N, C-alpha and C. Protein backbone atom coordinates (compact mmCIF):
# COMPACT_ATOMS: atom_id res chain seq x y z
N MET A 1 0.85 -1.19 0.00
CA MET A 1 0.00 0.00 0.00
C MET A 1 0.90 1.25 0.00
N PRO A 2 0.66 2.21 -0.90
CA PRO A 2 1.49 3.42 -0.93
C PRO A 2 1.24 4.31 0.27
N ARG A 3 2.29 5.00 0.66
CA ARG A 3 2.17 5.91 1.79
C ARG A 3 1.48 7.19 1.39
N SER A 4 0.79 7.79 2.33
CA SER A 4 0.14 9.07 2.09
C SER A 4 1.17 10.18 2.26
N LYS A 5 1.19 11.15 1.35
CA LYS A 5 2.15 12.23 1.43
C LYS A 5 1.57 13.47 2.08
N SER A 6 0.34 13.43 2.51
CA SER A 6 -0.28 14.62 3.09
C SER A 6 0.36 14.95 4.42
N GLY A 7 0.87 16.18 4.53
CA GLY A 7 1.40 16.65 5.79
C GLY A 7 2.81 16.19 6.11
N THR A 8 3.46 15.47 5.21
CA THR A 8 4.82 15.04 5.49
C THR A 8 5.77 15.74 4.54
N SER A 9 6.88 16.17 5.10
CA SER A 9 7.89 16.83 4.31
C SER A 9 9.25 16.57 4.92
N LYS A 10 10.28 16.51 4.08
CA LYS A 10 11.63 16.33 4.60
C LYS A 10 12.18 17.64 5.15
N TYR A 11 11.50 18.74 4.89
CA TYR A 11 12.00 20.05 5.26
C TYR A 11 11.08 20.74 6.25
N THR A 12 11.66 21.60 7.08
CA THR A 12 10.86 22.38 8.02
C THR A 12 10.18 23.52 7.26
N SER A 13 9.19 24.12 7.88
CA SER A 13 8.48 25.23 7.21
C SER A 13 9.43 26.41 7.01
N LYS A 14 10.38 26.59 7.92
CA LYS A 14 11.36 27.66 7.77
C LYS A 14 12.24 27.42 6.54
N GLN A 15 12.67 26.18 6.33
CA GLN A 15 13.48 25.86 5.16
C GLN A 15 12.68 26.06 3.88
N GLU A 16 11.40 25.71 3.90
CA GLU A 16 10.55 25.89 2.71
C GLU A 16 10.37 27.37 2.39
N ARG A 17 10.18 28.20 3.43
CA ARG A 17 10.06 29.65 3.21
C ARG A 17 11.36 30.22 2.65
N LYS A 18 12.47 29.76 3.19
CA LYS A 18 13.78 30.23 2.74
C LYS A 18 13.98 29.89 1.25
N ALA A 19 13.65 28.65 0.87
CA ALA A 19 13.80 28.23 -0.53
C ALA A 19 12.90 29.05 -1.44
N ASP A 20 11.68 29.34 -0.99
CA ASP A 20 10.75 30.14 -1.79
C ASP A 20 11.30 31.55 -2.02
N HIS A 21 11.87 32.12 -0.97
CA HIS A 21 12.43 33.48 -1.06
C HIS A 21 13.63 33.50 -2.02
N ILE A 22 14.50 32.51 -1.92
CA ILE A 22 15.67 32.42 -2.79
C ILE A 22 15.22 32.22 -4.23
N GLU A 23 14.21 31.36 -4.43
CA GLU A 23 13.69 31.09 -5.78
C GLU A 23 13.17 32.37 -6.43
N LYS A 24 12.43 33.17 -5.68
CA LYS A 24 11.89 34.42 -6.23
C LYS A 24 13.01 35.37 -6.63
N GLY A 25 14.09 35.37 -5.86
CA GLY A 25 15.23 36.21 -6.19
C GLY A 25 15.88 35.81 -7.50
N TYR A 26 16.02 34.51 -7.72
CA TYR A 26 16.59 34.02 -8.98
C TYR A 26 15.67 34.36 -10.15
N GLU A 27 14.35 34.22 -9.94
CA GLU A 27 13.41 34.51 -11.02
C GLU A 27 13.47 35.99 -11.41
N LYS A 28 13.69 36.87 -10.41
CA LYS A 28 13.83 38.30 -10.70
C LYS A 28 15.04 38.56 -11.60
N LYS A 29 16.07 37.73 -11.45
CA LYS A 29 17.29 37.89 -12.24
C LYS A 29 17.16 37.28 -13.63
N GLY A 30 16.00 36.65 -13.92
CA GLY A 30 15.76 36.11 -15.25
C GLY A 30 16.04 34.62 -15.40
N VAL A 31 16.24 33.92 -14.31
CA VAL A 31 16.46 32.47 -14.35
C VAL A 31 15.10 31.79 -14.50
N SER A 32 15.05 30.70 -15.26
CA SER A 32 13.78 29.99 -15.47
C SER A 32 13.24 29.45 -14.15
N LYS A 33 11.94 29.22 -14.09
CA LYS A 33 11.26 28.74 -12.87
C LYS A 33 11.89 27.43 -12.37
N LYS A 34 12.09 26.49 -13.29
CA LYS A 34 12.62 25.18 -12.92
C LYS A 34 14.06 25.29 -12.38
N GLU A 35 14.87 26.07 -13.06
CA GLU A 35 16.26 26.26 -12.64
C GLU A 35 16.34 27.02 -11.32
N ALA A 36 15.47 28.02 -11.15
CA ALA A 36 15.45 28.80 -9.91
C ALA A 36 15.09 27.90 -8.73
N GLU A 37 14.12 27.02 -8.91
CA GLU A 37 13.72 26.11 -7.84
C GLU A 37 14.86 25.17 -7.49
N SER A 38 15.53 24.65 -8.51
CA SER A 38 16.64 23.74 -8.29
C SER A 38 17.77 24.42 -7.52
N ARG A 39 18.13 25.63 -7.93
CA ARG A 39 19.19 26.38 -7.25
C ARG A 39 18.80 26.73 -5.82
N ALA A 40 17.53 27.08 -5.61
CA ALA A 40 17.07 27.45 -4.27
C ALA A 40 17.20 26.28 -3.31
N TRP A 41 16.76 25.10 -3.72
CA TRP A 41 16.86 23.94 -2.82
C TRP A 41 18.30 23.52 -2.61
N ALA A 42 19.14 23.67 -3.63
CA ALA A 42 20.56 23.36 -3.46
C ALA A 42 21.18 24.29 -2.42
N THR A 43 20.78 25.56 -2.45
CA THR A 43 21.28 26.54 -1.50
C THR A 43 20.82 26.21 -0.08
N VAL A 44 19.55 25.88 0.07
CA VAL A 44 19.02 25.52 1.40
C VAL A 44 19.73 24.28 1.94
N ASN A 45 19.93 23.28 1.08
CA ASN A 45 20.61 22.07 1.52
C ASN A 45 22.04 22.36 1.95
N LYS A 46 22.71 23.22 1.21
CA LYS A 46 24.10 23.55 1.55
C LYS A 46 24.17 24.32 2.87
N GLN A 47 23.26 25.27 3.07
CA GLN A 47 23.28 26.08 4.29
C GLN A 47 22.86 25.30 5.52
N ASP A 48 21.82 24.49 5.40
CA ASP A 48 21.23 23.82 6.56
C ASP A 48 21.62 22.36 6.70
N GLY A 49 22.36 21.82 5.76
CA GLY A 49 22.77 20.42 5.86
C GLY A 49 21.68 19.45 5.49
N GLY A 50 20.73 19.81 4.65
CA GLY A 50 19.70 18.90 4.20
C GLY A 50 18.40 19.04 4.95
N GLY A 51 17.65 17.96 5.00
CA GLY A 51 16.32 17.97 5.61
C GLY A 51 16.36 18.04 7.13
N LYS A 52 15.20 17.83 7.75
CA LYS A 52 15.07 18.02 9.20
C LYS A 52 15.34 16.77 10.02
N ASN A 53 15.38 15.60 9.42
CA ASN A 53 15.54 14.36 10.17
C ASN A 53 16.92 13.76 9.94
N PRO A 54 17.89 14.06 10.82
CA PRO A 54 19.21 13.47 10.64
C PRO A 54 19.16 11.97 10.94
N GLY A 55 20.01 11.24 10.30
CA GLY A 55 20.08 9.81 10.55
C GLY A 55 20.74 9.12 9.39
N GLY A 56 21.00 7.86 9.55
CA GLY A 56 21.67 7.12 8.51
C GLY A 56 23.18 7.23 8.64
N SER A 57 23.87 6.51 7.80
CA SER A 57 25.33 6.53 7.92
C SER A 57 25.90 7.77 7.28
N GLY A 58 26.99 8.23 7.81
CA GLY A 58 27.68 9.37 7.25
C GLY A 58 27.22 10.72 7.77
N ARG A 59 26.27 10.75 8.67
CA ARG A 59 25.81 12.02 9.23
C ARG A 59 26.72 12.43 10.39
N LYS A 60 26.91 13.73 10.53
CA LYS A 60 27.70 14.24 11.65
C LYS A 60 26.96 13.98 12.96
N LYS A 61 27.72 13.73 13.99
CA LYS A 61 27.12 13.59 15.32
C LYS A 61 26.95 14.98 15.93
N SER A 62 25.82 15.24 16.53
CA SER A 62 25.62 16.53 17.17
C SER A 62 26.39 16.56 18.50
N SER A 63 27.00 17.69 18.78
CA SER A 63 27.81 17.76 20.01
C SER A 63 27.13 18.59 21.07
């Protein structure tokens, strides 16, 4: 049975707002919608270290 995607996200609402803001900035500069979205999420991932649920191998341990 497939999982329901309603209400679940790998990102916090703050990360989603940040990506939206970055995306709009790229669109103002003339970047296409698809490319702007891609760049925005890449930026959020680089700044915040990915999604909200750390785990799995290779993740930094919190100190």
